[in-house]
């Protein structure tokens, strides 16, 4: 009886685990200092000093390298100045 009860509880717990807790996430293939955007493209993380490819100066003082309109300076207070078309 005890073994059956333990098995039943274990079965209930394993079947009630949310799918997101069981999901396996692939590690990012981007180099250090880069992140993977929604399109799967590696983009330079925002920096305090502009480097080649900076697209905008954000209101928080960081330079963005995002190329998609909604991503430029996202979570950085918005765009203060566009650096290129």
PDB file of N, CA and C in Angstrom:
ATOM      1  N   UNK A   1       0.817  -1.195   0.000  1.00  0.00           N
ATOM      2  CA  UNK A   1       0.000   0.000   0.000  1.00  0.00           C
ATOM      3  C   UNK A   1       0.861   1.260   0.000  1.00  0.00           C
ATOM      4  N   UNK A   2       1.920   1.238   0.784  1.00  0.00           N
ATOM      5  CA  UNK A   2       2.796   2.404   0.881  1.00  0.00           C
ATOM      6  C   UNK A   2       3.478   2.693  -0.453  1.00  0.00           C
ATOM      7  N   UNK A   3       3.917   1.640  -1.142  1.00  0.00           N
ATOM      8  CA  UNK A   3       4.576   1.806  -2.439  1.00  0.00           C
ATOM      9  C   UNK A   3       3.611   2.373  -3.472  1.00  0.00           C
ATOM     10  N   UNK A   4       2.383   1.935  -3.425  1.00  0.00           N
ATOM     11  CA  UNK A   4       1.379   2.437  -4.359  1.00  0.00           C
ATOM     12  C   UNK A   4       1.114   3.911  -4.111  1.00  0.00           C
ATOM     13  N   UNK A   5       1.019   4.313  -2.851  1.00  0.00           N
ATOM     14  CA  UNK A   5       0.785   5.716  -2.506  1.00  0.00           C
ATOM     15  C   UNK A   5       1.942   6.597  -2.965  1.00  0.00           C
ATOM     16  N   UNK A   6       3.164   6.169  -2.739  1.00  0.00           N
ATOM     17  CA  UNK A   6       4.337   6.933  -3.172  1.00  0.00           C
ATOM     18  C   UNK A   6       4.354   7.065  -4.693  1.00  0.00           C
ATOM     19  N   UNK A   7       4.061   5.973  -5.394  1.00  0.00           N
ATOM     20  CA  UNK A   7       4.017   6.009  -6.853  1.00  0.00           C
ATOM     21  C   UNK A   7       2.940   6.975  -7.333  1.00  0.00           C
ATOM     22  N   UNK A   8       1.771   6.943  -6.709  1.00  0.00           N
ATOM     23  CA  UNK A   8       0.660   7.824  -7.110  1.00  0.00           C
ATOM     24  C   UNK A   8       1.022   9.282  -6.900  1.00  0.00           C
ATOM     25  N   UNK A   9       1.628   9.621  -5.785  1.00  0.00           N
ATOM     26  CA  UNK A   9       2.031  11.002  -5.512  1.00  0.00           C
ATOM     27  C   UNK A   9       3.096  11.455  -6.509  1.00  0.00           C
ATOM     28  N   UNK A  10       4.065  10.624  -6.775  1.00  0.00           N
ATOM     29  CA  UNK A  10       5.125  10.959  -7.732  1.00  0.00           C
ATOM     30  C   UNK A  10       4.541  11.175  -9.123  1.00  0.00           C
ATOM     31  N   UNK A  11       3.579  10.371  -9.502  1.00  0.00           N
ATOM     32  CA  UNK A  11       2.940  10.511 -10.819  1.00  0.00           C
ATOM     33  C   UNK A  11       2.175  11.815 -10.909  1.00  0.00           C
ATOM     34  N   UNK A  12       1.447  12.176  -9.869  1.00  0.00           N
ATOM     35  CA  UNK A  12       0.688  13.433  -9.860  1.00  0.00           C
ATOM     36  C   UNK A  12       1.623  14.625  -9.941  1.00  0.00           C
ATOM     37  N   UNK A  13       2.694  14.615  -9.174  1.00  0.00           N
ATOM     38  CA  UNK A  13       3.639  15.738  -9.180  1.00  0.00           C
ATOM     39  C   UNK A  13       4.295  15.877 -10.543  1.00  0.00           C
ATOM     40  N   UNK A  14       4.759  14.783 -11.140  1.00  0.00           N
ATOM     41  CA  UNK A  14       5.453  14.876 -12.432  1.00  0.00           C
ATOM     42  C   UNK A  14       4.514  15.291 -13.550  1.00  0.00           C
ATOM     43  N   UNK A  15       3.246  14.881 -13.469  1.00  0.00           N
ATOM     44  CA  UNK A  15       2.319  15.251 -14.536  1.00  0.00           C
ATOM     45  C   UNK A  15       1.785  16.663 -14.375  1.00  0.00           C
ATOM     46  N   UNK A  16       1.936  17.250 -13.178  1.00  0.00           N
ATOM     47  CA  UNK A  16       1.428  18.607 -12.969  1.00  0.00           C
ATOM     48  C   UNK A  16       2.513  19.663 -13.124  1.00  0.00           C
ATOM     49  N   UNK A  17       3.732  19.261 -13.446  1.00  0.00           N
ATOM     50  CA  UNK A  17       4.814  20.230 -13.645  1.00  0.00           C
ATOM     51  C   UNK A  17       4.535  21.023 -14.910  1.00  0.00           C
ATOM     52  N   UNK A  18       4.525  22.374 -14.823  1.00  0.00           N
ATOM     53  CA  UNK A  18       4.245  23.196 -16.005  1.00  0.00           C
ATOM     54  C   UNK A  18       5.229  22.923 -17.137  1.00  0.00           C
ATOM     55  N   UNK A  19       4.753  23.061 -18.369  1.00  0.00           N
ATOM     56  CA  UNK A  19       5.589  22.796 -19.545  1.00  0.00           C
ATOM     57  C   UNK A  19       6.802  23.705 -19.583  1.00  0.00           C
ATOM     58  N   UNK A  20       6.630  24.975 -19.148  1.00  0.00           N
ATOM     59  CA  UNK A  20       7.771  25.905 -19.214  1.00  0.00           C
ATOM     60  C   UNK A  20       8.892  25.480 -18.278  1.00  0.00           C
ATOM     61  N   UNK A  21       8.573  24.772 -17.203  1.00  0.00           N
ATOM     62  CA  UNK A  21       9.606  24.310 -16.283  1.00  0.00           C
ATOM     63  C   UNK A  21      10.382  23.146 -16.880  1.00  0.00           C
ATOM     64  N   UNK A  22       9.778  22.442 -17.829  1.00  0.00           N
ATOM     65  CA  UNK A  22      10.427  21.295 -18.448  1.00  0.00           C
ATOM     66  C   UNK A  22      11.162  21.666 -19.728  1.00  0.00           C
ATOM     67  N   UNK A  23      10.949  22.867 -20.230  1.00  0.00           N
ATOM     68  CA  UNK A  23      11.537  23.274 -21.509  1.00  0.00           C
ATOM     69  C   UNK A  23      13.052  23.337 -21.417  1.00  0.00           C
ATOM     70  N   UNK A  24      13.688  22.993 -22.503  1.00  0.00           N
ATOM     71  CA  UNK A  24      15.134  23.082 -22.608  1.00  0.00           C
ATOM     72  C   UNK A  24      15.471  24.269 -23.504  1.00  0.00           C
ATOM     73  N   UNK A  25      16.292  25.160 -23.048  1.00  0.00           N
ATOM     74  CA  UNK A  25      16.654  26.335 -23.827  1.00  0.00           C
ATOM     75  C   UNK A  25      18.056  26.163 -24.387  1.00  0.00           C
ATOM     76  N   UNK A  26      18.186  26.435 -25.666  1.00  0.00           N
ATOM     77  CA  UNK A  26      19.498  26.346 -26.313  1.00  0.00           C
ATOM     78  C   UNK A  26      20.339  27.534 -25.873  1.00  0.00           C
ATOM     79  N   UNK A  27      21.596  27.328 -25.563  1.00  0.00           N
ATOM     80  CA  UNK A  27      22.442  28.451 -25.180  1.00  0.00           C
ATOM     81  C   UNK A  27      22.655  29.384 -26.373  1.00  0.00           C
ATOM     82  N   UNK A  28      22.856  30.647 -26.072  1.00  0.00           N
ATOM     83  CA  UNK A  28      23.097  31.625 -27.123  1.00  0.00           C
ATOM     84  C   UNK A  28      24.399  31.288 -27.838  1.00  0.00           C
ATOM     85  N   UNK A  29      24.407  31.488 -29.146  1.00  0.00           N
ATOM     86  CA  UNK A  29      25.617  31.223 -29.918  1.00  0.00           C
ATOM     87  C   UNK A  29      26.368  32.512 -30.193  1.00  0.00           C
ATOM     88  N   UNK A  30      25.955  33.588 -29.558  1.00  0.00           N
ATOM     89  CA  UNK A  30      26.594  34.887 -29.771  1.00  0.00           C
ATOM     90  C   UNK A  30      27.873  34.993 -28.946  1.00  0.00           C
ATOM     91  N   UNK A  31      28.804  35.765 -29.454  1.00  0.00           N
ATOM     92  CA  UNK A  31      30.065  36.002 -28.757  1.00  0.00           C
ATOM     93  C   UNK A  31      29.834  36.880 -27.533  1.00  0.00           C
ATOM     94  N   UNK A  32      30.812  36.911 -26.653  1.00  0.00           N
ATOM     95  CA  UNK A  32      30.733  37.758 -25.456  1.00  0.00           C
ATOM     96  C   UNK A  32      30.510  39.207 -25.876  1.00  0.00           C
ATOM     97  N   UNK A  33      29.599  39.896 -25.205  1.00  0.00           N
ATOM     98  CA  UNK A  33      29.308  41.292 -25.522  1.00  0.00           C
ATOM     99  C   UNK A  33      28.204  41.456 -26.550  1.00  0.00           C
ATOM    100  N   UNK A  34      27.601  40.352 -26.966  1.00  0.00           N
ATOM    101  CA  UNK A  34      26.524  40.368 -27.949  1.00  0.00           C
ATOM    102  C   UNK A  34      25.317  39.640 -27.371  1.00  0.00           C
ATOM    103  N   UNK A  35      24.140  39.902 -27.933  1.00  0.00           N
ATOM    104  CA  UNK A  35      22.931  39.178 -27.562  1.00  0.00           C
ATOM    105  C   UNK A  35      22.200  38.772 -28.829  1.00  0.00           C
ATOM    106  N   UNK A  36      21.320  37.817 -28.696  1.00  0.00           N
ATOM    107  CA  UNK A  36      20.548  37.330 -29.839  1.00  0.00           C
ATOM    108  C   UNK A  36      19.193  38.039 -29.854  1.00  0.00           C
ATOM    109  N   UNK A  37      18.900  38.759 -30.945  1.00  0.00           N
ATOM    110  CA  UNK A  37      17.633  39.483 -31.025  1.00  0.00           C
ATOM    111  C   UNK A  37      16.499  38.537 -31.418  1.00  0.00           C
ATOM    112  N   UNK A  38      15.294  39.082 -31.555  1.00  0.00           N
ATOM    113  CA  UNK A  38      14.108  38.269 -31.856  1.00  0.00           C
ATOM    114  C   UNK A  38      14.220  37.544 -33.196  1.00  0.00           C
ATOM    115  N   UNK A  39      15.043  38.055 -34.107  1.00  0.00           N
ATOM    116  CA  UNK A  39      15.241  37.418 -35.414  1.00  0.00           C
ATOM    117  C   UNK A  39      16.352  36.374 -35.385  1.00  0.00           C
ATOM    118  N   UNK A  40      16.983  36.189 -34.212  1.00  0.00           N
ATOM    119  CA  UNK A  40      18.057  35.215 -34.091  1.00  0.00           C
ATOM    120  C   UNK A  40      19.408  35.743 -34.525  1.00  0.00           C
ATOM    121  N   UNK A  41      19.523  37.054 -34.697  1.00  0.00           N
ATOM    122  CA  UNK A  41      20.771  37.682 -35.141  1.00  0.00           C
ATOM    123  C   UNK A  41      21.532  38.202 -33.921  1.00  0.00           C
ATOM    124  N   UNK A  42      22.836  37.980 -33.900  1.00  0.00           N
ATOM    125  CA  UNK A  42      23.670  38.482 -32.804  1.00  0.00           C
ATOM    126  C   UNK A  42      23.914  39.973 -32.991  1.00  0.00           C
ATOM    127  N   UNK A  43      23.613  40.732 -31.950  1.00  0.00           N
ATOM    128  CA  UNK A  43      23.734  42.190 -31.982  1.00  0.00           C
ATOM    129  C   UNK A  43      24.588  42.620 -30.798  1.00  0.00           C
ATOM    130  N   UNK A  44      25.442  43.611 -31.015  1.00  0.00           N
ATOM    131  CA  UNK A  44      26.299  44.132 -29.946  1.00  0.00           C
ATOM    132  C   UNK A  44      25.429  44.670 -28.820  1.00  0.00           C
ATOM    133  N   UNK A  45      25.775  44.349 -27.575  1.00  0.00           N
ATOM    134  CA  UNK A  45      25.045  44.888 -26.427  1.00  0.00           C
ATOM    135  C   UNK A  45      25.306  46.390 -26.327  1.00  0.00           C
ATOM    136  N   UNK A  46      24.386  47.153 -25.744  1.00  0.00           N
ATOM    137  CA  UNK A  46      24.601  48.595 -25.584  1.00  0.00           C
ATOM    138  C   UNK A  46      25.879  48.878 -24.796  1.00  0.00           C
ATOM    139  N   UNK A  47      26.563  49.958 -25.187  1.00  0.00           N
ATOM    140  CA  UNK A  47      27.817  50.331 -24.541  1.00  0.00           C
ATOM    141  C   UNK A  47      27.812  51.807 -24.156  1.00  0.00           C
ATOM    142  N   UNK A  48      28.694  52.184 -23.231  1.00  0.00           N
ATOM    143  CA  UNK A  48      28.812  53.576 -22.801  1.00  0.00           C
ATOM    144  C   UNK A  48      29.624  54.397 -23.794  1.00  0.00           C
ATOM    145  N   UNK A  49      30.480  53.734 -24.554  1.00  0.00           N
ATOM    146  CA  UNK A  49      31.324  54.399 -25.550  1.00  0.00           C
ATOM    147  C   UNK A  49      30.928  53.852 -26.918  1.00  0.00           C
ATOM    148  N   UNK A  50      30.703  54.720 -27.912  1.00  0.00           N
ATOM    149  CA  UNK A  50      30.272  54.206 -29.212  1.00  0.00           C
ATOM    150  C   UNK A  50      31.383  53.437 -29.931  1.00  0.00           C
ATOM    151  N   UNK A  51      30.992  52.352 -30.550  1.00  0.00           N
ATOM    152  CA  UNK A  51      31.884  51.559 -31.388  1.00  0.00           C
ATOM    153  C   UNK A  51      31.298  51.552 -32.796  1.00  0.00           C
ATOM    154  N   UNK A  52      32.047  51.019 -33.741  1.00  0.00           N
ATOM    155  CA  UNK A  52      31.564  50.927 -35.112  1.00  0.00           C
ATOM    156  C   UNK A  52      30.240  50.167 -35.141  1.00  0.00           C
ATOM    157  N   UNK A  53      29.268  50.702 -35.838  1.00  0.00           N
ATOM    158  CA  UNK A  53      27.975  50.052 -35.966  1.00  0.00           C
ATOM    159  C   UNK A  53      26.907  50.570 -35.028  1.00  0.00           C
ATOM    160  N   UNK A  54      27.252  51.521 -34.145  1.00  0.00           N
ATOM    161  CA  UNK A  54      26.245  52.081 -33.240  1.00  0.00           C
ATOM    162  C   UNK A  54      25.157  52.752 -34.072  1.00  0.00           C
ATOM    163  N   UNK A  55      23.896  52.510 -33.708  1.00  0.00           N
ATOM    164  CA  UNK A  55      22.777  53.053 -34.471  1.00  0.00           C
ATOM    165  C   UNK A  55      22.117  54.239 -33.793  1.00  0.00           C
ATOM    166  N   UNK A  56      22.246  54.337 -32.470  1.00  0.00           N
ATOM    167  CA  UNK A  56      21.582  55.427 -31.760  1.00  0.00           C
ATOM    168  C   UNK A  56      22.204  55.652 -30.391  1.00  0.00           C
ATOM    169  N   UNK A  57      22.067  56.873 -29.901  1.00  0.00           N
ATOM    170  CA  UNK A  57      22.391  57.209 -28.523  1.00  0.00           C
ATOM    171  C   UNK A  57      21.074  57.157 -27.770  1.00  0.00           C
ATOM    172  N   UNK A  58      21.028  56.382 -26.701  1.00  0.00           N
ATOM    173  CA  UNK A  58      19.796  56.236 -25.921  1.00  0.00           C
ATOM    174  C   UNK A  58      19.729  57.307 -24.842  1.00  0.00           C
ATOM    175  N   UNK A  59      18.543  57.531 -24.319  1.00  0.00           N
ATOM    176  CA  UNK A  59      18.342  58.564 -23.298  1.00  0.00           C
ATOM    177  C   UNK A  59      19.070  58.266 -21.997  1.00  0.00           C
ATOM    178  N   UNK A  60      19.435  57.010 -21.767  1.00  0.00           N
ATOM    179  CA  UNK A  60      20.189  56.688 -20.553  1.00  0.00           C
ATOM    180  C   UNK A  60      21.700  56.828 -20.750  1.00  0.00           C
ATOM    181  N   UNK A  61      22.117  57.286 -21.942  1.00  0.00           N
ATOM    182  CA  UNK A  61      23.529  57.516 -22.214  1.00  0.00           C
ATOM    183  C   UNK A  61      24.258  56.358 -22.870  1.00  0.00           C
ATOM    184  N   UNK A  62      23.598  55.250 -23.071  1.00  0.00           N
ATOM    185  CA  UNK A  62      24.228  54.106 -23.727  1.00  0.00           C
ATOM    186  C   UNK A  62      23.995  54.166 -25.230  1.00  0.00           C
ATOM    187  N   UNK A  63      24.894  53.536 -25.981  1.00  0.00           N
ATOM    188  CA  UNK A  63      24.777  53.465 -27.434  1.00  0.00           C
ATOM    189  C   UNK A  63      24.191  52.125 -27.822  1.00  0.00           C
ATOM    190  N   UNK A  64      23.181  52.152 -28.686  1.00  0.00           N
ATOM    191  CA  UNK A  64      22.498  50.956 -29.150  1.00  0.00           C
ATOM    192  C   UNK A  64      23.051  50.535 -30.507  1.00  0.00           C
ATOM    193  N   UNK A  65      23.032  49.228 -30.736  1.00  0.00           N
ATOM    194  CA  UNK A  65      23.493  48.656 -32.007  1.00  0.00           C
ATOM    195  C   UNK A  65      22.366  47.904 -32.701  1.00  0.00           C
ATOM    196  N   UNK A  66      21.156  47.999 -32.151  1.00  0.00           N
ATOM    197  CA  UNK A  66      20.003  47.310 -32.724  1.00  0.00           C
ATOM    198  C   UNK A  66      19.686  47.876 -34.094  1.00  0.00           C
ATOM    199  N   UNK A  67      19.193  47.011 -34.968  1.00  0.00           N
ATOM    200  CA  UNK A  67      18.870  47.438 -36.332  1.00  0.00           C
ATOM    201  C   UNK A  67      17.375  47.446 -36.596  1.00  0.00           C
ATOM    202  N   UNK A  68      16.591  46.802 -35.733  1.00  0.00           N
ATOM    203  CA  UNK A  68      15.133  46.805 -35.867  1.00  0.00           C
ATOM    204  C   UNK A  68      14.575  47.991 -35.093  1.00  0.00           C
ATOM    205  N   UNK A  69      13.689  48.742 -35.703  1.00  0.00           N
ATOM    206  CA  UNK A  69      13.117  49.924 -35.084  1.00  0.00           C
ATOM    207  C   UNK A  69      12.671  49.761 -33.647  1.00  0.00           C
ATOM    208  N   UNK A  70      11.830  48.752 -33.338  1.00  0.00           N
ATOM    209  CA  UNK A  70      11.352  48.603 -31.962  1.00  0.00           C
ATOM    210  C   UNK A  70      12.448  48.240 -30.963  1.00  0.00           C
ATOM    211  N   UNK A  71      13.548  47.674 -31.439  1.00  0.00           N
ATOM    212  CA  UNK A  71      14.623  47.249 -30.536  1.00  0.00           C
ATOM    213  C   UNK A  71      15.608  48.367 -30.205  1.00  0.00           C
ATOM    214  N   UNK A  72      15.638  49.406 -31.020  1.00  0.00           N
ATOM    215  CA  UNK A  72      16.619  50.477 -30.809  1.00  0.00           C
ATOM    216  C   UNK A  72      16.294  51.190 -29.501  1.00  0.00           C
ATOM    217  N   UNK A  73      17.204  51.135 -28.566  1.00  0.00           N
ATOM    218  CA  UNK A  73      17.106  51.755 -27.242  1.00  0.00           C
ATOM    219  C   UNK A  73      15.947  51.216 -26.404  1.00  0.00           C
ATOM    220  N   UNK A  74      15.467  50.019 -26.742  1.00  0.00           N
ATOM    221  CA  UNK A  74      14.440  49.385 -25.922  1.00  0.00           C
ATOM    222  C   UNK A  74      15.009  49.164 -24.522  1.00  0.00           C
ATOM    223  N   UNK A  75      14.263  49.464 -23.512  1.00  0.00           N
ATOM    224  CA  UNK A  75      14.672  49.348 -22.100  1.00  0.00           C
ATOM    225  C   UNK A  75      15.786  50.315 -21.721  1.00  0.00           C
ATOM    226  N   UNK A  76      16.004  51.332 -22.523  1.00  0.00           N
ATOM    227  CA  UNK A  76      17.043  52.327 -22.221  1.00  0.00           C
ATOM    228  C   UNK A  76      16.503  53.746 -22.330  1.00  0.00           C
ATOM    229  N   UNK A  77      15.203  53.906 -22.144  1.00  0.00           N
ATOM    230  CA  UNK A  77      14.606  55.238 -22.104  1.00  0.00           C
ATOM    231  C   UNK A  77      14.235  55.821 -23.445  1.00  0.00           C
ATOM    232  N   UNK A  78      14.409  55.072 -24.493  1.00  0.00           N
ATOM    233  CA  UNK A  78      14.089  55.577 -25.824  1.00  0.00           C
ATOM    234  C   UNK A  78      15.292  56.205 -26.502  1.00  0.00           C
ATOM    235  N   UNK A  79      15.074  56.675 -27.720  1.00  0.00           N
ATOM    236  CA  UNK A  79      16.153  57.227 -28.540  1.00  0.00           C
ATOM    237  C   UNK A  79      16.359  58.708 -28.234  1.00  0.00           C
ATOM    238  N   UNK A  80      17.590  59.075 -27.947  1.00  0.00           N
ATOM    239  CA  UNK A  80      17.954  60.472 -27.779  1.00  0.00           C
ATOM    240  C   UNK A  80      18.410  61.051 -29.112  1.00  0.00           C
ATOM    241  N   UNK A  81      19.152  60.229 -29.871  1.00  0.00           N
ATOM    242  CA  UNK A  81      19.689  60.695 -31.166  1.00  0.00           C
ATOM    243  C   UNK A  81      19.988  59.496 -32.048  1.00  0.00           C
ATOM    244  N   UNK A  82      19.466  59.523 -33.273  1.00  0.00           N
ATOM    245  CA  UNK A  82      19.823  58.493 -34.255  1.00  0.00           C
ATOM    246  C   UNK A  82      21.183  58.822 -34.836  1.00  0.00           C
ATOM    247  N   UNK A  83      22.002  57.820 -35.013  1.00  0.00           N
ATOM    248  CA  UNK A  83      23.371  58.054 -35.507  1.00  0.00           C
ATOM    249  C   UNK A  83      23.527  57.738 -36.968  1.00  0.00           C
ATOM    250  N   UNK A  84      22.596  56.960 -37.546  1.00  0.00           N
ATOM    251  CA  UNK A  84      22.669  56.656 -38.975  1.00  0.00           C
ATOM    252  C   UNK A  84      21.297  56.302 -39.466  1.00  0.00           C
ATOM    253  N   UNK A  85      21.097  56.352 -40.781  1.00  0.00           N
ATOM    254  CA  UNK A  85      19.789  56.036 -41.366  1.00  0.00           C
ATOM    255  C   UNK A  85      19.626  54.574 -41.564  1.00  0.00           C
TER     256      UNK A  85
END
